[in-house]
PDB file of N, CA and C in Angstrom:
ATOM      1  N   UNK A   1       0.819  -1.310   0.043  1.00  0.00           N
ATOM      2  CA  UNK A   1       0.037   0.181  -0.055  1.00  0.00           C
ATOM      3  C   UNK A   1       0.760   1.287   0.057  1.00  0.00           C
ATOM      4  N   UNK A   2       1.829   1.259   0.892  1.00  0.00           N
ATOM      5  CA  UNK A   2       2.896   2.552   1.002  1.00  0.00           C
ATOM      6  C   UNK A   2       3.387   2.663  -0.261  1.00  0.00           C
ATOM      7  N   UNK A   3       3.932   1.530  -0.908  1.00  0.00           N
ATOM      8  CA  UNK A   3       4.727   1.450  -2.246  1.00  0.00           C
ATOM      9  C   UNK A   3       3.698   2.019  -3.353  1.00  0.00           C
ATOM     10  N   UNK A   4       2.252   1.773  -3.358  1.00  0.00           N
ATOM     11  CA  UNK A   4       1.474   2.220  -4.288  1.00  0.00           C
ATOM     12  C   UNK A   4       1.553   3.997  -4.250  1.00  0.00           C
ATOM     13  N   UNK A   5       1.347   4.155  -2.999  1.00  0.00           N
ATOM     14  CA  UNK A   5       1.286   5.632  -2.740  1.00  0.00           C
ATOM     15  C   UNK A   5       2.424   6.425  -3.032  1.00  0.00           C
ATOM     16  N   UNK A   6       3.592   5.716  -3.090  1.00  0.00           N
ATOM     17  CA  UNK A   6       4.874   6.410  -3.445  1.00  0.00           C
ATOM     18  C   UNK A   6       4.766   6.548  -4.712  1.00  0.00           C
ATOM     19  N   UNK A   7       4.461   5.434  -5.537  1.00  0.00           N
ATOM     20  CA  UNK A   7       4.392   5.345  -6.963  1.00  0.00           C
ATOM     21  C   UNK A   7       3.649   6.331  -7.662  1.00  0.00           C
ATOM     22  N   UNK A   8       2.497   6.843  -6.980  1.00  0.00           N
ATOM     23  CA  UNK A   8       1.361   7.685  -7.418  1.00  0.00           C
ATOM     24  C   UNK A   8       2.017   9.062  -7.227  1.00  0.00           C
ATOM     25  N   UNK A   9       2.906   9.367  -6.277  1.00  0.00           N
ATOM     26  CA  UNK A   9       3.390  10.802  -6.188  1.00  0.00           C
ATOM     27  C   UNK A   9       4.758  11.037  -7.009  1.00  0.00           C
ATOM     28  N   UNK A  10       5.485  10.156  -7.454  1.00  0.00           N
ATOM     29  CA  UNK A  10       6.503  10.435  -8.447  1.00  0.00           C
ATOM     30  C   UNK A  10       6.424  10.095  -9.912  1.00  0.00           C
ATOM     31  N   UNK A  11       7.185  10.625 -10.547  1.00  0.00           N
ATOM     32  CA  UNK A  11       7.164  10.237 -12.094  1.00  0.00           C
ATOM     33  C   UNK A  11       7.580   8.746 -12.194  1.00  0.00           C
ATOM     34  N   UNK A  12       6.995   8.183 -13.242  1.00  0.00           N
ATOM     35  CA  UNK A  12       7.752   7.017 -13.685  1.00  0.00           C
ATOM     36  C   UNK A  12       9.228   7.006 -14.172  1.00  0.00           C
ATOM     37  N   UNK A  13       9.756   5.771 -13.866  1.00  0.00           N
ATOM     38  CA  UNK A  13      11.345   5.990 -14.114  1.00  0.00           C
ATOM     39  C   UNK A  13      11.516   4.639 -15.281  1.00  0.00           C
ATOM     40  N   UNK A  14      12.823   4.806 -15.590  1.00  0.00           N
ATOM     41  CA  UNK A  14      13.118   3.696 -16.566  1.00  0.00           C
ATOM     42  C   UNK A  14      13.184   2.206 -15.608  1.00  0.00           C
ATOM     43  N   UNK A  15      13.353   2.404 -14.413  1.00  0.00           N
ATOM     44  CA  UNK A  15      13.208   1.256 -13.586  1.00  0.00           C
ATOM     45  C   UNK A  15      11.910   0.667 -13.577  1.00  0.00           C
ATOM     46  N   UNK A  16      10.817   1.679 -13.568  1.00  0.00           N
ATOM     47  CA  UNK A  16       9.442   1.068 -13.482  1.00  0.00           C
ATOM     48  C   UNK A  16       9.108   0.459 -14.695  1.00  0.00           C
ATOM     49  N   UNK A  17       9.668   0.846 -15.939  1.00  0.00           N
ATOM     50  CA  UNK A  17       9.283   0.207 -17.200  1.00  0.00           C
ATOM     51  C   UNK A  17       9.900  -1.065 -17.367  1.00  0.00           C
ATOM     52  N   UNK A  18      11.332  -1.082 -17.067  1.00  0.00           N
ATOM     53  CA  UNK A  18      11.985  -2.295 -17.007  1.00  0.00           C
ATOM     54  C   UNK A  18      11.351  -3.361 -15.962  1.00  0.00           C
ATOM     55  N   UNK A  19      11.156  -2.969 -14.928  1.00  0.00           N
ATOM     56  CA  UNK A  19      10.284  -3.962 -14.043  1.00  0.00           C
ATOM     57  C   UNK A  19       9.034  -4.531 -14.611  1.00  0.00           C
ATOM     58  N   UNK A  20       8.276  -3.541 -15.188  1.00  0.00           N
ATOM     59  CA  UNK A  20       6.994  -4.156 -15.730  1.00  0.00           C
ATOM     60  C   UNK A  20       7.266  -4.721 -17.014  1.00  0.00           C
ATOM     61  N   UNK A  21       8.255  -4.797 -17.932  1.00  0.00           N
ATOM     62  CA  UNK A  21       8.445  -5.317 -19.083  1.00  0.00           C
ATOM     63  C   UNK A  21       9.391  -6.667 -18.899  1.00  0.00           C
ATOM     64  N   UNK A  22      10.026  -6.797 -17.851  1.00  0.00           N
ATOM     65  CA  UNK A  22      10.693  -7.754 -17.282  1.00  0.00           C
ATOM     66  C   UNK A  22      12.096  -7.819 -18.083  1.00  0.00           C
ATOM     67  N   UNK A  23      12.646  -6.749 -17.990  1.00  0.00           N
ATOM     68  CA  UNK A  23      14.055  -6.695 -18.726  1.00  0.00           C
ATOM     69  C   UNK A  23      14.901  -5.660 -17.779  1.00  0.00           C
ATOM     70  N   UNK A  24      16.271  -5.735 -18.315  1.00  0.00           N
ATOM     71  CA  UNK A  24      17.191  -4.915 -17.396  1.00  0.00           C
ATOM     72  C   UNK A  24      16.908  -3.427 -17.871  1.00  0.00           C
ATOM     73  N   UNK A  25      17.246  -2.408 -16.799  1.00  0.00           N
ATOM     74  CA  UNK A  25      17.169  -0.980 -16.963  1.00  0.00           C
ATOM     75  C   UNK A  25      17.958  -0.677 -18.063  1.00  0.00           C
ATOM     76  N   UNK A  26      19.202  -1.060 -18.410  1.00  0.00           N
ATOM     77  CA  UNK A  26      20.047  -0.596 -19.336  1.00  0.00           C
ATOM     78  C   UNK A  26      19.297  -1.102 -20.780  1.00  0.00           C
ATOM     79  N   UNK A  27      18.503  -2.141 -20.761  1.00  0.00           N
ATOM     80  CA  UNK A  27      17.997  -2.682 -22.024  1.00  0.00           C
ATOM     81  C   UNK A  27      16.896  -1.544 -22.489  1.00  0.00           C
ATOM     82  N   UNK A  28      16.142  -1.025 -21.390  1.00  0.00           N
ATOM     83  CA  UNK A  28      15.314  -0.071 -21.800  1.00  0.00           C
ATOM     84  C   UNK A  28      15.806   1.308 -22.229  1.00  0.00           C
ATOM     85  N   UNK A  29      16.809   1.495 -21.281  1.00  0.00           N
ATOM     86  CA  UNK A  29      17.520   3.006 -21.743  1.00  0.00           C
ATOM     87  C   UNK A  29      18.335   2.772 -23.293  1.00  0.00           C
ATOM     88  N   UNK A  30      19.108   1.690 -23.608  1.00  0.00           N
ATOM     89  CA  UNK A  30      19.728   1.410 -24.857  1.00  0.00           C
ATOM     90  C   UNK A  30      18.552   1.308 -25.830  1.00  0.00           C
ATOM     91  N   UNK A  31      17.508   1.026 -25.527  1.00  0.00           N
ATOM     92  CA  UNK A  31      16.489   0.776 -26.692  1.00  0.00           C
ATOM     93  C   UNK A  31      15.910   2.077 -27.017  1.00  0.00           C
ATOM     94  N   UNK A  32      15.639   3.039 -25.888  1.00  0.00           N
ATOM     95  CA  UNK A  32      14.928   4.352 -26.157  1.00  0.00           C
ATOM     96  C   UNK A  32      16.034   5.309 -26.766  1.00  0.00           C
ATOM     97  N   UNK A  33      17.181   5.149 -26.639  1.00  0.00           N
ATOM     98  CA  UNK A  33      18.331   5.897 -27.089  1.00  0.00           C
ATOM     99  C   UNK A  33      18.781   5.456 -28.646  1.00  0.00           C
ATOM    100  N   UNK A  34      18.011   4.250 -29.018  1.00  0.00           N
ATOM    101  CA  UNK A  34      18.409   3.975 -30.596  1.00  0.00           C
ATOM    102  C   UNK A  34      19.794   3.227 -30.491  1.00  0.00           C
ATOM    103  N   UNK A  35      20.067   2.650 -29.493  1.00  0.00           N
ATOM    104  CA  UNK A  35      21.334   1.921 -29.468  1.00  0.00           C
ATOM    105  C   UNK A  35      21.250   0.400 -29.286  1.00  0.00           C
ATOM    106  N   UNK A  36      20.122   0.020 -29.372  1.00  0.00           N
ATOM    107  CA  UNK A  36      19.878  -1.354 -29.125  1.00  0.00           C
ATOM    108  C   UNK A  36      18.682  -1.707 -29.874  1.00  0.00           C
ATOM    109  N   UNK A  37      18.641  -2.868 -30.790  1.00  0.00           N
ATOM    110  CA  UNK A  37      17.314  -3.403 -31.346  1.00  0.00           C
ATOM    111  C   UNK A  37      16.869  -4.731 -30.760  1.00  0.00           C
ATOM    112  N   UNK A  38      15.605  -4.511 -30.623  1.00  0.00           N
ATOM    113  CA  UNK A  38      15.120  -5.669 -29.580  1.00  0.00           C
ATOM    114  C   UNK A  38      14.180  -6.744 -30.562  1.00  0.00           C
ATOM    115  N   UNK A  39      14.256  -7.833 -29.982  1.00  0.00           N
ATOM    116  CA  UNK A  39      13.324  -8.821 -30.727  1.00  0.00           C
ATOM    117  C   UNK A  39      11.884  -8.167 -30.902  1.00  0.00           C
ATOM    118  N   UNK A  40      10.946  -8.375 -31.865  1.00  0.00           N
ATOM    119  CA  UNK A  40       9.667  -7.896 -31.636  1.00  0.00           C
ATOM    120  C   UNK A  40       8.781  -8.189 -30.518  1.00  0.00           C
ATOM    121  N   UNK A  41       9.076  -9.200 -29.931  1.00  0.00           N
ATOM    122  CA  UNK A  41       8.021  -9.441 -28.641  1.00  0.00           C
ATOM    123  C   UNK A  41       8.488  -8.543 -27.640  1.00  0.00           C
ATOM    124  N   UNK A  42       9.998  -8.434 -27.526  1.00  0.00           N
ATOM    125  CA  UNK A  42      10.390  -7.792 -26.404  1.00  0.00           C
ATOM    126  C   UNK A  42      10.274  -6.351 -26.550  1.00  0.00           C
ATOM    127  N   UNK A  43      10.190  -5.817 -27.841  1.00  0.00           N
ATOM    128  CA  UNK A  43       9.968  -4.310 -28.039  1.00  0.00           C
ATOM    129  C   UNK A  43       8.687  -4.179 -27.793  1.00  0.00           C
ATOM    130  N   UNK A  44       7.722  -4.888 -27.944  1.00  0.00           N
ATOM    131  CA  UNK A  44       6.171  -4.952 -27.726  1.00  0.00           C
ATOM    132  C   UNK A  44       6.068  -4.899 -26.173  1.00  0.00           C
ATOM    133  N   UNK A  45       6.705  -5.485 -25.435  1.00  0.00           N
ATOM    134  CA  UNK A  45       6.532  -5.635 -23.956  1.00  0.00           C
ATOM    135  C   UNK A  45       7.075  -4.257 -23.337  1.00  0.00           C
ATOM    136  N   UNK A  46       8.153  -3.876 -23.865  1.00  0.00           N
ATOM    137  CA  UNK A  46       8.811  -2.656 -23.405  1.00  0.00           C
ATOM    138  C   UNK A  46       7.718  -1.349 -23.848  1.00  0.00           C
ATOM    139  N   UNK A  47       7.328  -1.271 -25.008  1.00  0.00           N
ATOM    140  CA  UNK A  47       6.397  -0.213 -25.445  1.00  0.00           C
ATOM    141  C   UNK A  47       5.116  -0.308 -24.578  1.00  0.00           C
ATOM    142  N   UNK A  48       4.714  -1.480 -24.191  1.00  0.00           N
ATOM    143  CA  UNK A  48       3.445  -1.679 -23.574  1.00  0.00           C
ATOM    144  C   UNK A  48       3.775  -1.207 -22.118  1.00  0.00           C
ATOM    145  N   UNK A  49       4.985  -1.648 -21.593  1.00  0.00           N
ATOM    146  CA  UNK A  49       5.103  -1.134 -20.245  1.00  0.00           C
ATOM    147  C   UNK A  49       5.382   0.446 -20.078  1.00  0.00           C
ATOM    148  N   UNK A  50       5.892   0.903 -20.985  1.00  0.00           N
ATOM    149  CA  UNK A  50       6.025   2.499 -21.337  1.00  0.00           C
ATOM    150  C   UNK A  50       4.535   3.025 -21.092  1.00  0.00           C
ATOM    151  N   UNK A  51       3.661   2.564 -22.009  1.00  0.00           N
ATOM    152  CA  UNK A  51       2.358   3.239 -21.720  1.00  0.00           C
ATOM    153  C   UNK A  51       1.700   2.980 -20.564  1.00  0.00           C
ATOM    154  N   UNK A  52       1.818   1.565 -20.072  1.00  0.00           N
ATOM    155  CA  UNK A  52       1.065   1.318 -18.634  1.00  0.00           C
ATOM    156  C   UNK A  52       1.487   2.182 -17.559  1.00  0.00           C
ATOM    157  N   UNK A  53       2.804   2.409 -17.498  1.00  0.00           N
ATOM    158  CA  UNK A  53       3.485   3.217 -16.608  1.00  0.00           C
ATOM    159  C   UNK A  53       3.333   4.645 -16.701  1.00  0.00           C
ATOM    160  N   UNK A  54       3.095   5.098 -17.778  1.00  0.00           N
ATOM    161  CA  UNK A  54       3.031   6.542 -18.321  1.00  0.00           C
ATOM    162  C   UNK A  54       4.291   7.180 -18.189  1.00  0.00           C
ATOM    163  N   UNK A  55       5.149   6.433 -18.879  1.00  0.00           N
ATOM    164  CA  UNK A  55       6.724   6.943 -18.815  1.00  0.00           C
ATOM    165  C   UNK A  55       6.886   7.906 -19.882  1.00  0.00           C
ATOM    166  N   UNK A  56       7.478   9.052 -19.648  1.00  0.00           N
ATOM    167  CA  UNK A  56       7.933   9.829 -21.018  1.00  0.00           C
ATOM    168  C   UNK A  56       9.465  10.241 -20.874  1.00  0.00           C
ATOM    169  N   UNK A  57       9.944  10.391 -21.932  1.00  0.00           N
ATOM    170  CA  UNK A  57      11.506  10.537 -21.910  1.00  0.00           C
ATOM    171  C   UNK A  57      12.042  11.536 -20.998  1.00  0.00           C
ATOM    172  N   UNK A  58      11.300  12.659 -20.668  1.00  0.00           N
ATOM    173  CA  UNK A  58      11.604  13.550 -19.621  1.00  0.00           C
ATOM    174  C   UNK A  58      11.315  13.330 -18.287  1.00  0.00           C
ATOM    175  N   UNK A  59      10.434  12.256 -18.149  1.00  0.00           N
ATOM    176  CA  UNK A  59      10.007  12.165 -16.707  1.00  0.00           C
ATOM    177  C   UNK A  59      10.880  11.417 -15.958  1.00  0.00           C
ATOM    178  N   UNK A  60      11.841  10.791 -16.411  1.00  0.00           N
ATOM    179  CA  UNK A  60      12.718   9.837 -15.526  1.00  0.00           C
ATOM    180  C   UNK A  60      14.017  10.737 -15.349  1.00  0.00           C
ATOM    181  N   UNK A  61      14.148  11.864 -16.082  1.00  0.00           N
ATOM    182  CA  UNK A  61      15.456  12.515 -15.855  1.00  0.00           C
ATOM    183  C   UNK A  61      15.353  13.477 -14.410  1.00  0.00           C
ATOM    184  N   UNK A  62      16.454  13.413 -13.639  1.00  0.00           N
ATOM    185  CA  UNK A  62      16.358  14.012 -12.387  1.00  0.00           C
ATOM    186  C   UNK A  62      17.053  15.354 -12.763  1.00  0.00           C
ATOM    187  N   UNK A  63      17.777  15.493 -14.082  1.00  0.00           N
ATOM    188  CA  UNK A  63      18.332  16.734 -14.346  1.00  0.00           C
ATOM    189  C   UNK A  63      17.428  17.854 -14.858  1.00  0.00           C
ATOM    190  N   UNK A  64      17.781  19.049 -14.373  1.00  0.00           N
ATOM    191  CA  UNK A  64      16.989  20.059 -14.884  1.00  0.00           C
ATOM    192  C   UNK A  64      17.179  20.383 -16.377  1.00  0.00           C
ATOM    193  N   UNK A  65      16.048  20.919 -17.112  1.00  0.00           N
ATOM    194  CA  UNK A  65      16.359  21.409 -18.467  1.00  0.00           C
ATOM    195  C   UNK A  65      17.356  22.277 -18.742  1.00  0.00           C
ATOM    196  N   UNK A  66      17.807  22.865 -17.645  1.00  0.00           N
ATOM    197  CA  UNK A  66      18.926  23.845 -17.934  1.00  0.00           C
ATOM    198  C   UNK A  66      20.418  23.140 -17.990  1.00  0.00           C
ATOM    199  N   UNK A  67      20.457  21.966 -17.405  1.00  0.00           N
ATOM    200  CA  UNK A  67      21.734  21.270 -17.418  1.00  0.00           C
ATOM    201  C   UNK A  67      21.492  20.170 -18.886  1.00  0.00           C
ATOM    202  N   UNK A  68      20.631  20.321 -19.655  1.00  0.00           N
ATOM    203  CA  UNK A  68      20.396  19.491 -20.764  1.00  0.00           C
ATOM    204  C   UNK A  68      21.483  19.922 -21.672  1.00  0.00           C
ATOM    205  N   UNK A  69      22.167  18.919 -22.412  1.00  0.00           N
ATOM    206  CA  UNK A  69      23.017  19.184 -23.458  1.00  0.00           C
ATOM    207  C   UNK A  69      22.494  19.986 -24.730  1.00  0.00           C
ATOM    208  N   UNK A  70      23.323  20.927 -25.201  1.00  0.00           N
ATOM    209  CA  UNK A  70      23.072  21.628 -26.394  1.00  0.00           C
ATOM    210  C   UNK A  70      23.910  21.714 -27.352  1.00  0.00           C
ATOM    211  N   UNK A  71      23.488  21.743 -28.603  1.00  0.00           N
ATOM    212  CA  UNK A  71      24.244  21.620 -29.876  1.00  0.00           C
ATOM    213  C   UNK A  71      24.001  23.069 -30.316  1.00  0.00           C
ATOM    214  N   UNK A  72      25.037  23.790 -30.997  1.00  0.00           N
ATOM    215  CA  UNK A  72      24.867  25.057 -31.704  1.00  0.00           C
ATOM    216  C   UNK A  72      24.873  24.889 -33.097  1.00  0.00           C
ATOM    217  N   UNK A  73      23.962  25.460 -33.778  1.00  0.00           N
ATOM    218  CA  UNK A  73      24.045  25.162 -35.111  1.00  0.00           C
ATOM    219  C   UNK A  73      23.758  26.720 -35.886  1.00  0.00           C
ATOM    220  N   UNK A  74      24.710  26.807 -36.676  1.00  0.00           N
ATOM    221  CA  UNK A  74      24.655  28.256 -37.530  1.00  0.00           C
ATOM    222  C   UNK A  74      24.672  27.949 -38.958  1.00  0.00           C
ATOM    223  N   UNK A  75      23.547  28.337 -39.729  1.00  0.00           N
ATOM    224  CA  UNK A  75      23.249  28.249 -41.135  1.00  0.00           C
ATOM    225  C   UNK A  75      23.317  29.790 -41.696  1.00  0.00           C
ATOM    226  N   UNK A  76      23.363  29.684 -43.085  1.00  0.00           N
ATOM    227  CA  UNK A  76      23.404  31.043 -43.837  1.00  0.00           C
ATOM    228  C   UNK A  76      21.768  31.629 -43.840  1.00  0.00           C
ATOM    229  N   UNK A  77      20.921  30.654 -44.080  1.00  0.00           N
ATOM    230  CA  UNK A  77      19.626  31.257 -43.989  1.00  0.00           C
ATOM    231  C   UNK A  77      18.724  29.977 -43.660  1.00  0.00           C
ATOM    232  N   UNK A  78      18.067  30.227 -42.465  1.00  0.00           N
ATOM    233  CA  UNK A  78      17.002  29.181 -42.144  1.00  0.00           C
ATOM    234  C   UNK A  78      16.000  28.830 -43.106  1.00  0.00           C
ATOM    235  N   UNK A  79      15.546  29.989 -43.732  1.00  0.00           N
ATOM    236  CA  UNK A  79      14.234  29.762 -44.629  1.00  0.00           C
ATOM    237  C   UNK A  79      14.716  29.049 -46.157  1.00  0.00           C
ATOM    238  N   UNK A  80      16.112  28.955 -46.313  1.00  0.00           N
ATOM    239  CA  UNK A  80      16.716  28.114 -47.542  1.00  0.00           C
ATOM    240  C   UNK A  80      16.092  26.780 -47.538  1.00  0.00           C
ATOM    241  N   UNK A  81      15.521  26.054 -48.444  1.00  0.00           N
ATOM    242  CA  UNK A  81      15.053  24.618 -48.386  1.00  0.00           C
ATOM    243  C   UNK A  81      16.145  23.753 -47.914  1.00  0.00           C
ATOM    244  N   UNK A  82      17.275  24.025 -48.591  1.00  0.00           N
ATOM    245  CA  UNK A  82      18.509  23.042 -48.196  1.00  0.00           C
ATOM    246  C   UNK A  82      18.931  23.096 -46.824  1.00  0.00           C
ATOM    247  N   UNK A  83      19.334  24.433 -46.264  1.00  0.00           N
ATOM    248  CA  UNK A  83      19.864  24.668 -44.888  1.00  0.00           C
ATOM    249  C   UNK A  83      18.652  24.452 -43.805  1.00  0.00           C
ATOM    250  N   UNK A  84      17.235  24.488 -44.323  1.00  0.00           N
ATOM    251  CA  UNK A  84      16.202  24.239 -43.329  1.00  0.00           C
ATOM    252  C   UNK A  84      16.115  22.724 -43.249  1.00  0.00           C
ATOM    253  N   UNK A  85      16.194  22.081 -44.152  1.00  0.00           N
ATOM    254  CA  UNK A  85      16.215  20.698 -44.107  1.00  0.00           C
ATOM    255  C   UNK A  85      17.298  19.823 -43.334  1.00  0.00           C
ATOM    256  N   UNK A  86      18.532  20.627 -43.455  1.00  0.00           N
ATOM    257  CA  UNK A  86      19.675  20.176 -42.532  1.00  0.00           C
ATOM    258  C   UNK A  86      19.359  20.517 -41.146  1.00  0.00           C
ATOM    259  N   UNK A  87      18.789  21.670 -40.872  1.00  0.00           N
ATOM    260  CA  UNK A  87      18.332  21.821 -39.462  1.00  0.00           C
ATOM    261  C   UNK A  87      17.297  21.045 -38.832  1.00  0.00           C
ATOM    262  N   UNK A  88      16.506  20.729 -39.741  1.00  0.00           N
ATOM    263  CA  UNK A  88      15.341  19.892 -39.212  1.00  0.00           C
ATOM    264  C   UNK A  88      15.895  18.579 -38.803  1.00  0.00           C
ATOM    265  N   UNK A  89      16.864  18.050 -39.664  1.00  0.00           N
ATOM    266  CA  UNK A  89      17.253  16.575 -39.398  1.00  0.00           C
ATOM    267  C   UNK A  89      18.316  16.712 -38.036  1.00  0.00           C
ATOM    268  N   UNK A  90      19.002  17.612 -37.936  1.00  0.00           N
ATOM    269  CA  UNK A  90      19.944  17.850 -36.665  1.00  0.00           C
ATOM    270  C   UNK A  90      18.969  17.982 -35.350  1.00  0.00           C
ATOM    271  N   UNK A  91      17.984  18.780 -35.611  1.00  0.00           N
ATOM    272  CA  UNK A  91      17.211  18.797 -34.388  1.00  0.00           C
ATOM    273  C   UNK A  91      16.343  17.262 -34.216  1.00  0.00           C
ATOM    274  N   UNK A  92      15.956  16.653 -35.246  1.00  0.00           N
ATOM    275  CA  UNK A  92      15.536  15.312 -34.942  1.00  0.00           C
ATOM    276  C   UNK A  92      16.497  14.597 -34.300  1.00  0.00           C
ATOM    277  N   UNK A  93      17.545  14.379 -34.788  1.00  0.00           N
ATOM    278  CA  UNK A  93      18.716  13.443 -34.176  1.00  0.00           C
ATOM    279  C   UNK A  93      19.018  13.752 -32.988  1.00  0.00           C
ATOM    280  N   UNK A  94      19.181  15.019 -32.618  1.00  0.00           N
ATOM    281  CA  UNK A  94      19.617  15.679 -31.194  1.00  0.00           C
ATOM    282  C   UNK A  94      18.723  15.204 -30.359  1.00  0.00           C
ATOM    283  N   UNK A  95      17.382  15.505 -30.788  1.00  0.00           N
ATOM    284  CA  UNK A  95      16.146  15.219 -29.714  1.00  0.00           C
ATOM    285  C   UNK A  95      16.182  13.747 -29.300  1.00  0.00           C
ATOM    286  N   UNK A  96      16.541  12.833 -30.268  1.00  0.00           N
ATOM    287  CA  UNK A  96      16.720  11.236 -29.958  1.00  0.00           C
ATOM    288  C   UNK A  96      17.582  11.131 -28.993  1.00  0.00           C
ATOM    289  N   UNK A  97      18.835  11.866 -28.893  1.00  0.00           N
ATOM    290  CA  UNK A  97      19.725  11.869 -27.844  1.00  0.00           C
ATOM    291  C   UNK A  97      19.643  12.628 -26.608  1.00  0.00           C
ATOM    292  N   UNK A  98      18.277  13.035 -26.683  1.00  0.00           N
ATOM    293  CA  UNK A  98      18.052  14.072 -25.484  1.00  0.00           C
ATOM    294  C   UNK A  98      18.687  15.369 -25.324  1.00  0.00           C
ATOM    295  N   UNK A  99      19.244  15.976 -26.464  1.00  0.00           N
ATOM    296  CA  UNK A  99      19.922  17.182 -26.707  1.00  0.00           C
ATOM    297  C   UNK A  99      18.833  18.201 -27.335  1.00  0.00           C
ATOM    298  N   UNK A 100      19.110  19.524 -26.978  1.00  0.00           N
ATOM    299  CA  UNK A 100      18.507  20.650 -27.532  1.00  0.00           C
ATOM    300  C   UNK A 100      19.462  21.258 -28.555  1.00  0.00           C
ATOM    301  N   UNK A 101      19.058  21.932 -29.496  1.00  0.00           N
ATOM    302  CA  UNK A 101      19.614  22.695 -30.554  1.00  0.00           C
ATOM    303  C   UNK A 101      19.285  24.143 -30.526  1.00  0.00           C
ATOM    304  N   UNK A 102      20.319  24.763 -30.568  1.00  0.00           N
ATOM    305  CA  UNK A 102      20.102  26.264 -30.648  1.00  0.00           C
ATOM    306  C   UNK A 102      20.557  26.519 -32.036  1.00  0.00           C
ATOM    307  N   UNK A 103      19.696  27.089 -32.744  1.00  0.00           N
ATOM    308  CA  UNK A 103      19.908  27.507 -34.135  1.00  0.00           C
ATOM    309  C   UNK A 103      20.058  28.941 -34.506  1.00  0.00           C
ATOM    310  N   UNK A 104      20.886  29.350 -35.151  1.00  0.00           N
ATOM    311  CA  UNK A 104      21.262  30.856 -35.742  1.00  0.00           C
ATOM    312  C   UNK A 104      21.397  31.066 -37.080  1.00  0.00           C
ATOM    313  N   UNK A 105      20.889  32.087 -37.434  1.00  0.00           N
ATOM    314  CA  UNK A 105      21.100  32.367 -39.085  1.00  0.00           C
ATOM    315  C   UNK A 105      22.143  33.569 -39.152  1.00  0.00           C
ATOM    316  N   UNK A 106      22.915  33.578 -40.084  1.00  0.00           N
ATOM    317  CA  UNK A 106      24.004  34.574 -40.441  1.00  0.00           C
ATOM    318  C   UNK A 106      23.375  35.513 -41.580  1.00  0.00           C
ATOM    319  N   UNK A 107      22.163  35.008 -41.927  1.00  0.00           N
ATOM    320  CA  UNK A 107      21.509  35.883 -43.078  1.00  0.00           C
ATOM    321  C   UNK A 107      22.358  36.154 -44.092  1.00  0.00           C
ATOM    322  N   UNK A 108      23.275  35.191 -44.521  1.00  0.00           N
ATOM    323  CA  UNK A 108      24.250  35.195 -45.527  1.00  0.00           C
ATOM    324  C   UNK A 108      25.290  36.296 -45.504  1.00  0.00           C
ATOM    325  N   UNK A 109      25.300  36.703 -44.168  1.00  0.00           N
ATOM    326  CA  UNK A 109      26.467  37.771 -43.730  1.00  0.00           C
ATOM    327  C   UNK A 109      27.848  37.259 -43.534  1.00  0.00           C
ATOM    328  N   UNK A 110      28.263  36.007 -43.419  1.00  0.00           N
ATOM    329  CA  UNK A 110      29.398  35.498 -43.218  1.00  0.00           C
ATOM    330  C   UNK A 110      29.871  34.558 -44.478  1.00  0.00           C
TER     331      UNK A 110
END
C-alpha cells in the first residue's frame, strides 16, 4: 500500500518500465536511445510497459532542463530549403539523444 502511494506521487522511471517489461534498466535505456534493437516480442513488452506506467523521456530525468546538453547550429539562411532541411534533421537527431539545438542564421552575412 505504501509503495503504491509512493508510486502515485513520483514520475515513472526507466526502472519502472524495465520492471514491468521484465528486462534490465540498461535494455530499456539503450532501446530508447536507439542503441539497441530488440526482438519484436521484447520491443512490444517494453512499449506496452512504457504506456502502462506513463513513462515519458523527460519524466525519468532528474536533471533540470537547464543542464540539458545543447548543440549549436549556424546556417546562412534558415528559410532556405537546403539549410532548413539540414536544421530539421539535426534537431530530430539531437532530440533522440536528449539534446537541445540552438539555431542561428547569419542571413548570408558570413
